[in-house]
PDB file of all heavy atoms in Angstrom:
ATOM      1  N   LEU A   1     -11.774  36.080  54.322  1.00  0.00           N
ATOM      2  CA  LEU A   1     -11.313  36.721  55.550  1.00  0.00           C
ATOM      3  C   LEU A   1      -9.909  37.266  55.336  1.00  0.00           C
ATOM      4  O   LEU A   1      -9.026  36.550  54.843  1.00  0.00           O
ATOM      5  CB  LEU A   1     -11.323  35.716  56.697  1.00  0.00           C
ATOM      6  CG  LEU A   1     -10.786  36.187  58.044  1.00  0.00           C
ATOM      7  CD1 LEU A   1     -11.663  37.291  58.614  1.00  0.00           C
ATOM      8  CD2 LEU A   1     -10.687  35.009  59.002  1.00  0.00           C
ATOM      9  N   VAL A   2      -9.691  38.526  55.717  1.00  0.00           N
ATOM     10  CA  VAL A   2      -8.402  39.165  55.516  1.00  0.00           C
ATOM     11  C   VAL A   2      -8.095  40.077  56.700  1.00  0.00           C
ATOM     12  O   VAL A   2      -9.009  40.618  57.325  1.00  0.00           O
ATOM     13  CB  VAL A   2      -8.385  39.953  54.183  1.00  0.00           C
ATOM     14  CG1 VAL A   2      -9.377  41.109  54.225  1.00  0.00           C
ATOM     15  CG2 VAL A   2      -6.989  40.441  53.843  1.00  0.00           C
ATOM     16  N   GLN A   3      -6.813  40.239  57.021  1.00  0.00           N
ATOM     17  CA  GLN A   3      -6.395  41.126  58.101  1.00  0.00           C
ATOM     18  C   GLN A   3      -6.410  42.584  57.651  1.00  0.00           C
ATOM     19  O   GLN A   3      -6.298  42.874  56.458  1.00  0.00           O
ATOM     20  CB  GLN A   3      -4.996  40.759  58.584  1.00  0.00           C
ATOM     21  CG  GLN A   3      -4.902  39.392  59.229  1.00  0.00           C
ATOM     22  CD  GLN A   3      -3.507  39.088  59.733  1.00  0.00           C
ATOM     23  OE1 GLN A   3      -2.564  39.830  59.492  1.00  0.00           O
ATOM     24  NE2 GLN A   3      -3.369  37.979  60.448  1.00  0.00           N
ATOM     25  N   PRO A   4      -6.553  43.528  58.588  1.00  0.00           N
ATOM     26  CA  PRO A   4      -6.454  44.940  58.223  1.00  0.00           C
ATOM     27  C   PRO A   4      -5.154  45.235  57.490  1.00  0.00           C
ATOM     28  O   PRO A   4      -4.089  44.738  57.861  1.00  0.00           O
ATOM     29  CB  PRO A   4      -6.509  45.668  59.565  1.00  0.00           C
ATOM     30  CG  PRO A   4      -7.231  44.722  60.466  1.00  0.00           C
ATOM     31  CD  PRO A   4      -6.818  43.343  60.027  1.00  0.00           C
ATOM     32  N   GLY A   5      -5.254  46.038  56.432  1.00  0.00           N
ATOM     33  CA  GLY A   5      -4.106  46.342  55.600  1.00  0.00           C
ATOM     34  C   GLY A   5      -3.870  45.364  54.470  1.00  0.00           C
ATOM     35  O   GLY A   5      -3.019  45.628  53.604  1.00  0.00           O
ATOM     36  N   GLY A   6      -4.600  44.257  54.450  1.00  0.00           N
ATOM     37  CA  GLY A   6      -4.446  43.252  53.426  1.00  0.00           C
ATOM     38  C   GLY A   6      -5.198  43.577  52.153  1.00  0.00           C
ATOM     39  O   GLY A   6      -5.808  44.640  52.018  1.00  0.00           O
ATOM     40  N   SER A   7      -5.174  42.620  51.207  1.00  0.00           N
ATOM     41  CA  SER A   7      -5.769  42.809  49.884  1.00  0.00           C
ATOM     42  C   SER A   7      -6.611  41.613  49.479  1.00  0.00           C
ATOM     43  O   SER A   7      -6.349  40.477  49.887  1.00  0.00           O
ATOM     44  CB  SER A   7      -4.682  43.017  48.827  1.00  0.00           C
ATOM     45  OG  SER A   7      -3.918  44.181  49.082  1.00  0.00           O
ATOM     46  N   LEU A   8      -7.627  41.867  48.659  1.00  0.00           N
ATOM     47  CA  LEU A   8      -8.430  40.848  48.010  1.00  0.00           C
ATOM     48  C   LEU A   8      -8.754  41.309  46.597  1.00  0.00           C
ATOM     49  O   LEU A   8      -8.803  42.511  46.327  1.00  0.00           O
ATOM     50  CB  LEU A   8      -9.738  40.579  48.760  1.00  0.00           C
ATOM     51  CG  LEU A   8      -9.672  39.802  50.071  1.00  0.00           C
ATOM     52  CD1 LEU A   8     -11.056  39.801  50.731  1.00  0.00           C
ATOM     53  CD2 LEU A   8      -9.193  38.374  49.844  1.00  0.00           C
ATOM     54  N   ARG A   9      -9.008  40.347  45.706  1.00  0.00           N
ATOM     55  CA  ARG A   9      -9.410  40.633  44.337  1.00  0.00           C
ATOM     56  C   ARG A   9     -10.711  39.892  44.044  1.00  0.00           C
ATOM     57  O   ARG A   9     -10.741  38.661  44.034  1.00  0.00           O
ATOM     58  CB  ARG A   9      -8.332  40.207  43.346  1.00  0.00           C
ATOM     59  CG  ARG A   9      -8.634  40.542  41.884  1.00  0.00           C
ATOM     60  CD  ARG A   9      -7.475  40.095  40.999  1.00  0.00           C
ATOM     61  NE  ARG A   9      -7.696  40.292  39.578  1.00  0.00           N
ATOM     62  CZ  ARG A   9      -7.409  41.407  38.918  1.00  0.00           C
ATOM     63  NH1 ARG A   9      -6.896  42.444  39.558  1.00  0.00           N
ATOM     64  NH2 ARG A   9      -7.630  41.483  37.611  1.00  0.00           N
ATOM     65  N   LEU A  10     -11.787  40.643  43.808  1.00  0.00           N
ATOM     66  CA  LEU A  10     -13.079  40.074  43.481  1.00  0.00           C
ATOM     67  C   LEU A  10     -13.252  39.984  41.967  1.00  0.00           C
ATOM     68  O   LEU A  10     -12.795  40.859  41.228  1.00  0.00           O
ATOM     69  CB  LEU A  10     -14.215  40.912  44.066  1.00  0.00           C
ATOM     70  CG  LEU A  10     -14.153  41.222  45.562  1.00  0.00           C
ATOM     71  CD1 LEU A  10     -15.402  41.981  45.983  1.00  0.00           C
ATOM     72  CD2 LEU A  10     -13.984  39.956  46.380  1.00  0.00           C
ATOM     73  N   SER A  11     -13.932  38.930  41.513  1.00  0.00           N
ATOM     74  CA  SER A  11     -14.226  38.742  40.102  1.00  0.00           C
ATOM     75  C   SER A  11     -15.726  38.611  39.901  1.00  0.00           C
ATOM     76  O   SER A  11     -16.438  38.090  40.757  1.00  0.00           O
ATOM     77  CB  SER A  11     -13.532  37.488  39.556  1.00  0.00           C
ATOM     78  OG  SER A  11     -12.128  37.584  39.652  1.00  0.00           O
ATOM     79  N   CYS A  12     -16.198  39.063  38.748  1.00  0.00           N
ATOM     80  CA  CYS A  12     -17.602  38.966  38.373  1.00  0.00           C
ATOM     81  C   CYS A  12     -17.642  38.586  36.906  1.00  0.00           C
ATOM     82  O   CYS A  12     -17.334  39.409  36.042  1.00  0.00           O
ATOM     83  CB  CYS A  12     -18.312  40.292  38.626  1.00  0.00           C
ATOM     84  SG  CYS A  12     -20.053  40.327  38.151  1.00  0.00           S
ATOM     85  N   ALA A  13     -18.015  37.341  36.627  1.00  0.00           N
ATOM     86  CA  ALA A  13     -18.035  36.814  35.270  1.00  0.00           C
ATOM     87  C   ALA A  13     -19.455  36.834  34.729  1.00  0.00           C
ATOM     88  O   ALA A  13     -20.383  36.378  35.393  1.00  0.00           O
ATOM     89  CB  ALA A  13     -17.473  35.399  35.238  1.00  0.00           C
ATOM     90  N   ALA A  14     -19.616  37.345  33.514  1.00  0.00           N
ATOM     91  CA  ALA A  14     -20.924  37.497  32.893  1.00  0.00           C
ATOM     92  C   ALA A  14     -21.051  36.596  31.677  1.00  0.00           C
ATOM     93  O   ALA A  14     -20.072  36.339  30.966  1.00  0.00           O
ATOM     94  CB  ALA A  14     -21.169  38.946  32.484  1.00  0.00           C
ATOM     95  N   ALA A  15     -22.270  36.142  31.439  1.00  0.00           N
ATOM     96  CA  ALA A  15     -22.606  35.408  30.225  1.00  0.00           C
ATOM     97  C   ALA A  15     -23.745  36.145  29.530  1.00  0.00           C
ATOM     98  O   ALA A  15     -24.728  36.513  30.174  1.00  0.00           O
ATOM     99  CB  ALA A  15     -23.008  33.977  30.543  1.00  0.00           C
ATOM    100  N   GLY A  16     -23.609  36.367  28.231  1.00  0.00           N
ATOM    101  CA  GLY A  16     -24.623  37.080  27.492  1.00  0.00           C
ATOM    102  C   GLY A  16     -24.028  37.841  26.324  1.00  0.00           C
ATOM    103  O   GLY A  16     -22.811  37.829  26.115  1.00  0.00           O
ATOM    104  N   SER A  17     -24.879  38.550  25.596  1.00  0.00           N
ATOM    105  CA  SER A  17     -24.474  39.223  24.372  1.00  0.00           C
ATOM    106  C   SER A  17     -24.364  40.734  24.495  1.00  0.00           C
ATOM    107  O   SER A  17     -24.047  41.397  23.513  1.00  0.00           O
ATOM    108  CB  SER A  17     -25.467  38.883  23.249  1.00  0.00           C
ATOM    109  OG  SER A  17     -26.772  39.314  23.572  1.00  0.00           O
ATOM    110  N   ILE A  18     -24.594  41.314  25.691  1.00  0.00           N
ATOM    111  CA  ILE A  18     -24.623  42.762  25.853  1.00  0.00           C
ATOM    112  C   ILE A  18     -23.492  43.300  26.720  1.00  0.00           C
ATOM    113  O   ILE A  18     -23.484  44.481  27.054  1.00  0.00           O
ATOM    114  CB  ILE A  18     -25.971  43.222  26.446  1.00  0.00           C
ATOM    115  CG1 ILE A  18     -26.168  42.640  27.845  1.00  0.00           C
ATOM    116  CG2 ILE A  18     -27.120  42.835  25.529  1.00  0.00           C
ATOM    117  CD1 ILE A  18     -27.356  43.216  28.583  1.00  0.00           C
ATOM    118  N   PHE A  19     -22.516  42.460  27.094  1.00  0.00           N
ATOM    119  CA  PHE A  19     -21.485  42.872  28.031  1.00  0.00           C
ATOM    120  C   PHE A  19     -20.745  44.124  27.572  1.00  0.00           C
ATOM    121  O   PHE A  19     -20.520  45.049  28.357  1.00  0.00           O
ATOM    122  CB  PHE A  19     -20.498  41.725  28.261  1.00  0.00           C
ATOM    123  CG  PHE A  19     -19.458  42.008  29.296  1.00  0.00           C
ATOM    124  CD1 PHE A  19     -19.693  41.738  30.630  1.00  0.00           C
ATOM    125  CD2 PHE A  19     -18.224  42.539  28.936  1.00  0.00           C
ATOM    126  CE1 PHE A  19     -18.727  41.987  31.592  1.00  0.00           C
ATOM    127  CE2 PHE A  19     -17.249  42.794  29.876  1.00  0.00           C
ATOM    128  CZ  PHE A  19     -17.510  42.519  31.215  1.00  0.00           C
ATOM    129  N   ARG A  20     -20.353  44.180  26.309  1.00  0.00           N
ATOM    130  CA  ARG A  20     -19.503  45.257  25.825  1.00  0.00           C
ATOM    131  C   ARG A  20     -20.176  46.622  25.796  1.00  0.00           C
ATOM    132  O   ARG A  20     -19.479  47.643  25.783  1.00  0.00           O
ATOM    133  CB  ARG A  20     -18.970  44.915  24.435  1.00  0.00           C
ATOM    134  CG  ARG A  20     -17.919  43.823  24.426  1.00  0.00           C
ATOM    135  CD  ARG A  20     -17.547  43.402  23.019  1.00  0.00           C
ATOM    136  NE  ARG A  20     -16.447  42.450  23.003  1.00  0.00           N
ATOM    137  CZ  ARG A  20     -16.576  41.153  23.262  1.00  0.00           C
ATOM    138  NH1 ARG A  20     -17.779  40.659  23.552  1.00  0.00           N
ATOM    139  NH2 ARG A  20     -15.523  40.351  23.223  1.00  0.00           N
ATOM    140  N   ILE A  21     -21.505  46.682  25.781  1.00  0.00           N
ATOM    141  CA  ILE A  21     -22.216  47.950  25.727  1.00  0.00           C
ATOM    142  C   ILE A  21     -22.826  48.340  27.061  1.00  0.00           C
ATOM    143  O   ILE A  21     -23.534  49.351  27.141  1.00  0.00           O
ATOM    144  CB  ILE A  21     -23.304  47.947  24.641  1.00  0.00           C
ATOM    145  CG1 ILE A  21     -24.388  46.912  24.961  1.00  0.00           C
ATOM    146  CG2 ILE A  21     -22.688  47.676  23.274  1.00  0.00           C
ATOM    147  CD1 ILE A  21     -25.584  46.989  24.037  1.00  0.00           C
ATOM    148  N   ALA A  22     -22.570  47.573  28.123  1.00  0.00           N
ATOM    149  CA  ALA A  22     -23.197  47.793  29.419  1.00  0.00           C
ATOM    150  C   ALA A  22     -22.272  48.536  30.376  1.00  0.00           C
ATOM    151  O   ALA A  22     -21.054  48.325  30.388  1.00  0.00           O
ATOM    152  CB  ALA A  22     -23.602  46.466  30.039  1.00  0.00           C
ATOM    153  N   ALA A  23     -22.871  49.404  31.193  1.00  0.00           N
ATOM    154  CA  ALA A  23     -22.181  49.933  32.360  1.00  0.00           C
ATOM    155  C   ALA A  23     -22.144  48.858  33.447  1.00  0.00           C
ATOM    156  O   ALA A  23     -23.039  48.014  33.529  1.00  0.00           O
ATOM    157  CB  ALA A  23     -22.889  51.173  32.876  1.00  0.00           C
ATOM    158  N   MET A  24     -21.114  48.889  34.284  1.00  0.00           N
ATOM    159  CA  MET A  24     -20.972  47.905  35.349  1.00  0.00           C
ATOM    160  C   MET A  24     -20.495  48.578  36.617  1.00  0.00           C
ATOM    161  O   MET A  24     -20.097  49.747  36.605  1.00  0.00           O
ATOM    162  CB  MET A  24     -19.996  46.803  34.927  1.00  0.00           C
ATOM    163  CG  MET A  24     -20.418  46.052  33.678  1.00  0.00           C
ATOM    164  SD  MET A  24     -19.306  44.694  33.259  1.00  0.00           S
ATOM    165  CE  MET A  24     -17.815  45.606  32.873  1.00  0.00           C
ATOM    166  N   GLY A  25     -20.533  47.836  37.732  1.00  0.00           N
ATOM    167  CA  GLY A  25     -20.044  48.391  38.975  1.00  0.00           C
ATOM    168  C   GLY A  25     -20.232  47.441  40.133  1.00  0.00           C
ATOM    169  O   GLY A  25     -20.612  46.278  39.959  1.00  0.00           O
ATOM    170  N   TRP A  26     -19.946  47.961  41.332  1.00  0.00           N
ATOM    171  CA  TRP A  26     -20.024  47.187  42.567  1.00  0.00           C
ATOM    172  C   TRP A  26     -20.738  47.974  43.657  1.00  0.00           C
ATOM    173  O   TRP A  26     -20.478  49.171  43.847  1.00  0.00           O
ATOM    174  CB  TRP A  26     -18.623  46.823  43.074  1.00  0.00           C
ATOM    175  CG  TRP A  26     -17.861  45.898  42.178  1.00  0.00           C
ATOM    176  CD1 TRP A  26     -17.131  46.233  41.085  1.00  0.00           C
ATOM    177  CD2 TRP A  26     -17.755  44.475  42.309  1.00  0.00           C
ATOM    178  NE1 TRP A  26     -16.567  45.111  40.519  1.00  0.00           N
ATOM    179  CE2 TRP A  26     -16.933  44.020  41.251  1.00  0.00           C
ATOM    180  CE3 TRP A  26     -18.264  43.547  43.211  1.00  0.00           C
ATOM    181  CZ2 TRP A  26     -16.609  42.673  41.075  1.00  0.00           C
ATOM    182  CZ3 TRP A  26     -17.948  42.208  43.044  1.00  0.00           C
ATOM    183  CH2 TRP A  26     -17.134  41.781  41.990  1.00  0.00           C
ATOM    184  N   TYR A  27     -21.652  47.309  44.355  1.00  0.00           N
ATOM    185  CA  TYR A  27     -22.257  47.777  45.590  1.00  0.00           C
ATOM    186  C   TYR A  27     -21.737  46.938  46.751  1.00  0.00           C
ATOM    187  O   TYR A  27     -21.230  45.829  46.555  1.00  0.00           O
ATOM    188  CB  TYR A  27     -23.776  47.633  45.562  1.00  0.00           C
ATOM    189  CG  TYR A  27     -24.547  48.679  44.792  1.00  0.00           C
ATOM    190  CD1 TYR A  27     -24.749  48.566  43.423  1.00  0.00           C
ATOM    191  CD2 TYR A  27     -25.122  49.765  45.451  1.00  0.00           C
ATOM    192  CE1 TYR A  27     -25.480  49.507  42.726  1.00  0.00           C
ATOM    193  CE2 TYR A  27     -25.861  50.712  44.761  1.00  0.00           C
ATOM    194  CZ  TYR A  27     -26.040  50.573  43.400  1.00  0.00           C
ATOM    195  OH  TYR A  27     -26.779  51.504  42.712  1.00  0.00           O
ATOM    196  N   ARG A  28     -21.900  47.461  47.969  1.00  0.00           N
ATOM    197  CA  ARG A  28     -21.667  46.650  49.151  1.00  0.00           C
ATOM    198  C   ARG A  28     -22.732  46.972  50.196  1.00  0.00           C
ATOM    199  O   ARG A  28     -23.305  48.057  50.204  1.00  0.00           O
ATOM    200  CB  ARG A  28     -20.268  46.862  49.729  1.00  0.00           C
ATOM    201  CG  ARG A  28     -20.015  48.247  50.308  1.00  0.00           C
ATOM    202  CD  ARG A  28     -18.555  48.361  50.757  1.00  0.00           C
ATOM    203  NE  ARG A  28     -18.267  49.663  51.323  1.00  0.00           N
ATOM    204  CZ  ARG A  28     -17.058  50.059  51.695  1.00  0.00           C
ATOM    205  NH1 ARG A  28     -16.009  49.241  51.556  1.00  0.00           N
ATOM    206  NH2 ARG A  28     -16.886  51.273  52.213  1.00  0.00           N
ATOM    207  N   GLN A  29     -22.986  46.008  51.087  1.00  0.00           N
ATOM    208  CA  GLN A  29     -23.971  46.197  52.138  1.00  0.00           C
ATOM    209  C   GLN A  29     -23.543  45.433  53.381  1.00  0.00           C
ATOM    210  O   GLN A  29     -23.305  44.226  53.327  1.00  0.00           O
ATOM    211  CB  GLN A  29     -25.359  45.737  51.696  1.00  0.00           C
ATOM    212  CG  GLN A  29     -26.451  46.087  52.689  1.00  0.00           C
ATOM    213  CD  GLN A  29     -27.841  45.917  52.109  1.00  0.00           C
ATOM    214  OE1 GLN A  29     -28.059  45.110  51.209  1.00  0.00           O
ATOM    215  NE2 GLN A  29     -28.785  46.686  52.628  1.00  0.00           N
ATOM    216  N   ALA A  30     -23.457  46.149  54.498  1.00  0.00           N
ATOM    217  CA  ALA A  30     -23.164  45.565  55.796  1.00  0.00           C
ATOM    218  C   ALA A  30     -24.453  45.459  56.602  1.00  0.00           C
ATOM    219  O   ALA A  30     -25.389  46.238  56.387  1.00  0.00           O
ATOM    220  CB  ALA A  30     -22.139  46.405  56.546  1.00  0.00           C
ATOM    221  N   PRO A  31     -24.539  44.510  57.540  1.00  0.00           N
ATOM    222  CA  PRO A  31     -25.754  44.371  58.363  1.00  0.00           C
ATOM    223  C   PRO A  31     -26.116  45.672  59.065  1.00  0.00           C
ATOM    224  O   PRO A  31     -25.263  46.318  59.676  1.00  0.00           O
ATOM    225  CB  PRO A  31     -25.380  43.278  59.364  1.00  0.00           C
ATOM    226  CG  PRO A  31     -24.332  42.476  58.672  1.00  0.00           C
ATOM    227  CD  PRO A  31     -23.546  43.475  57.864  1.00  0.00           C
ATOM    228  N   GLY A  32     -27.388  46.067  58.967  1.00  0.00           N
ATOM    229  CA  GLY A  32     -27.867  47.269  59.611  1.00  0.00           C
ATOM    230  C   GLY A  32     -27.532  48.565  58.906  1.00  0.00           C
ATOM    231  O   GLY A  32     -27.852  49.639  59.433  1.00  0.00           O
ATOM    232  N   LYS A  33     -26.908  48.499  57.733  1.00  0.00           N
ATOM    233  CA  LYS A  33     -26.519  49.695  57.002  1.00  0.00           C
ATOM    234  C   LYS A  33     -27.161  49.728  55.627  1.00  0.00           C
ATOM    235  O   LYS A  33     -27.574  48.697  55.092  1.00  0.00           O
ATOM    236  CB  LYS A  33     -25.004  49.774  56.862  1.00  0.00           C
ATOM    237  CG  LYS A  33     -24.254  49.883  58.177  1.00  0.00           C
ATOM    238  CD  LYS A  33     -22.763  50.044  57.950  1.00  0.00           C
ATOM    239  CE  LYS A  33     -22.017  50.188  59.262  1.00  0.00           C
ATOM    240  NZ  LYS A  33     -20.547  50.333  59.043  1.00  0.00           N
ATOM    241  N   GLN A  34     -27.246  50.929  55.044  1.00  0.00           N
ATOM    242  CA  GLN A  34     -27.759  51.095  53.695  1.00  0.00           C
ATOM    243  C   GLN A  34     -26.777  50.530  52.674  1.00  0.00           C
ATOM    244  O   GLN A  34     -25.567  50.525  52.892  1.00  0.00           O
ATOM    245  CB  GLN A  34     -28.017  52.571  53.396  1.00  0.00           C
ATOM    246  CG  GLN A  34     -29.182  53.179  54.157  1.00  0.00           C
ATOM    247  CD  GLN A  34     -30.515  52.724  53.610  1.00  0.00           C
ATOM    248  OE1 GLN A  34     -30.660  52.448  52.427  1.00  0.00           O
ATOM    249  NE2 GLN A  34     -31.503  52.634  54.480  1.00  0.00           N
ATOM    250  N   ARG A  35     -27.326  50.054  51.560  1.00  0.00           N
ATOM    251  CA  ARG A  35     -26.490  49.626  50.457  1.00  0.00           C
ATOM    252  C   ARG A  35     -25.708  50.821  49.916  1.00  0.00           C
ATOM    253  O   ARG A  35     -26.263  51.900  49.717  1.00  0.00           O
ATOM    254  CB  ARG A  35     -27.348  48.994  49.360  1.00  0.00           C
ATOM    255  CG  ARG A  35     -26.579  48.438  48.184  1.00  0.00           C
ATOM    256  CD  ARG A  35     -27.542  47.770  47.214  1.00  0.00           C
ATOM    257  NE  ARG A  35     -28.199  46.625  47.824  1.00  0.00           N
ATOM    258  CZ  ARG A  35     -29.427  46.218  47.519  1.00  0.00           C
ATOM    259  NH1 ARG A  35     -30.131  46.865  46.613  1.00  0.00           N
ATOM    260  NH2 ARG A  35     -29.936  45.164  48.128  1.00  0.00           N
ATOM    261  N   GLU A  36     -24.418  50.623  49.663  1.00  0.00           N
ATOM    262  CA  GLU A  36     -23.529  51.688  49.233  1.00  0.00           C
ATOM    263  C   GLU A  36     -22.962  51.376  47.850  1.00  0.00           C
ATOM    264  O   GLU A  36     -22.336  50.328  47.651  1.00  0.00           O
ATOM    265  CB  GLU A  36     -22.383  51.871  50.228  1.00  0.00           C
ATOM    266  CG  GLU A  36     -21.377  52.943  49.833  1.00  0.00           C
ATOM    267  CD  GLU A  36     -20.159  52.975  50.729  1.00  0.00           C
ATOM    268  OE1 GLU A  36     -19.924  51.999  51.463  1.00  0.00           O
ATOM    269  OE2 GLU A  36     -19.436  54.006  50.702  1.00  0.00           O
TER     270      GLU A  36
END
């Protein structure tokens, strides 16, 4: 939970042998809305 104007830092840790050759990214989805 954060106030408007604030900041957060998300992390995503992977285990496996293909990390260095993979594309990565982030999606988000709010209730009642399409995944973005």
